[in-house]
Structure formats: structure tokens, C-alpha cells
Amino acid sequence: MYTASVNSKGQITIPAEVRKDLGLKAGDRVWFIKGEHGEYILKVKTGSIQDLRGIVKWTGKPVTIEEMNETIAKGWAGLLTFED
């Protein structure tokens, strides 16, 4: 088990071995998630939505914004009901 002290600014230094195990480097962000029993879980925030770009290969034809909007409108048309 590793421990760390909180300084006067409310900051802690994560022990080197923990940083290594988590793959943390300077500038990385971590989440503190409250568990169901009041404990906190430290999670490394990894990646961003931009990292997902290109992971799914599209083999269809390109679709225009107008085609997307038309398809969306058709889908919503069946879900919406209007009452007077």
C-alpha cells in the first residue's frame, strides 16, 4: 500500500510506483470517483473523443448533410404525435 500527504494547497504527490503502474505522466488527468461505501476510486482519464476518429471504416457512399437531416426527420416523424 502506498500513502501520500496533502500539502497546504490541498495537493498530493502520487507515489512514483503508483504513477508507473497507472501509466501517468506530467499533465495527465485523473478522476476521483466516490464509491457506494464512501471510498474514493482514482481513475486515469485516458484519451479523448478525437482518439476515436477513424476506428470504424465506412465503406458506403458519402452522405450529405441534407441526406442526414432528411433521414433524421423521417425517423422522428414516426415518433412524434401532435395533440390539439
Protein backbone atom coordinates (compact mmCIF):
# COMPACT_ATOMS: atom_id res chain seq x y z
CA MET A 1 0.00 0.00 0.00
CA TYR A 2 1.20 3.50 -0.78
CA THR A 3 0.46 6.74 1.05
CA ALA A 4 0.73 10.42 0.22
CA SER A 5 0.40 13.60 2.26
CA VAL A 6 -1.78 16.58 1.43
CA ASN A 7 0.16 19.86 1.38
CA SER A 8 -1.13 23.30 2.44
CA LYS A 9 -2.51 23.90 -1.08
CA GLY A 10 -4.56 20.70 -0.96
CA GLN A 11 -2.25 18.92 -3.38
CA ILE A 12 -0.79 15.44 -3.18
CA THR A 13 2.10 13.79 -4.95
CA ILE A 14 1.15 10.38 -6.28
CA PRO A 15 3.94 7.95 -5.40
CA ALA A 16 6.26 7.10 -8.30
CA GLU A 17 5.38 3.39 -8.30
CA VAL A 18 1.65 4.19 -8.48
CA ARG A 19 2.25 6.67 -11.34
CA LYS A 20 4.24 3.98 -13.14
CA ASP A 21 1.55 1.33 -12.62
CA LEU A 22 -1.15 3.73 -13.86
CA GLY A 23 0.95 4.94 -16.78
CA LEU A 24 0.65 8.53 -15.55
CA LYS A 25 2.87 11.28 -16.86
CA ALA A 26 3.00 15.04 -16.29
CA GLY A 27 -0.18 16.73 -17.48
CA ASP A 28 -2.37 13.61 -17.33
CA ARG A 29 -5.73 13.97 -15.61
CA VAL A 30 -7.29 11.66 -13.04
CA TRP A 31 -10.84 11.23 -11.81
CA PHE A 32 -11.83 10.72 -8.19
CA ILE A 33 -15.00 8.62 -8.17
CA LYS A 34 -16.96 8.17 -4.95
CA GLY A 35 -17.82 4.52 -4.34
CA GLU A 36 -21.00 3.20 -2.80
CA HIS A 37 -19.40 2.83 0.64
CA GLY A 38 -17.88 6.33 0.76
CA GLU A 39 -14.48 5.28 -0.55
CA TYR A 40 -12.88 7.09 -3.49
CA ILE A 41 -11.53 5.39 -6.57
CA LEU A 42 -8.75 7.01 -8.58
CA LYS A 43 -9.17 6.54 -12.34
CA VAL A 44 -6.87 7.76 -15.08
CA LYS A 45 -8.69 9.84 -17.68
CA THR A 46 -7.36 8.42 -20.90
CA GLY A 47 -7.79 9.67 -24.43
CA SER A 48 -10.37 11.96 -25.91
CA ILE A 49 -13.21 11.66 -28.38
CA GLN A 50 -10.74 12.71 -31.07
CA ASP A 51 -8.83 9.46 -30.47
CA LEU A 52 -11.82 7.53 -31.84
CA ARG A 53 -11.55 9.14 -35.28
CA GLY A 54 -11.02 6.55 -37.97
CA ILE A 55 -11.52 3.41 -35.88
CA VAL A 56 -14.64 2.44 -37.83
CA LYS A 57 -14.16 2.07 -41.56
CA TRP A 58 -17.07 3.35 -43.66
CA THR A 59 -17.43 1.52 -46.96
CA GLY A 60 -20.63 3.20 -48.13
CA LYS A 61 -21.00 6.27 -50.30
CA PRO A 62 -20.52 9.69 -48.73
CA VAL A 63 -23.72 11.18 -47.30
CA THR A 64 -24.58 14.86 -47.49
CA ILE A 65 -25.85 16.93 -44.58
CA GLU A 66 -29.19 17.24 -46.39
CA GLU A 67 -29.49 13.45 -46.65
CA MET A 68 -28.66 13.11 -42.95
CA ASN A 69 -31.28 15.70 -42.00
CA GLU A 70 -33.89 14.03 -44.21
CA THR A 71 -33.22 10.64 -42.63
CA ILE A 72 -33.39 12.13 -39.13
CA ALA A 73 -36.67 13.89 -39.96
CA LYS A 74 -38.18 10.64 -41.26
CA GLY A 75 -37.14 8.81 -38.10
CA TRP A 76 -38.62 11.45 -35.81
CA ALA A 77 -41.82 11.70 -37.84
CA GLY A 78 -42.83 8.23 -36.67
CA LEU A 79 -42.11 9.05 -33.03
CA LEU A 80 -43.86 12.38 -32.70
CA THR A 81 -47.56 12.79 -32.09
CA PHE A 82 -49.37 16.09 -32.02
CA GLU A 83 -52.47 16.61 -29.98
CA ASP A 84 -54.81 19.59 -30.40
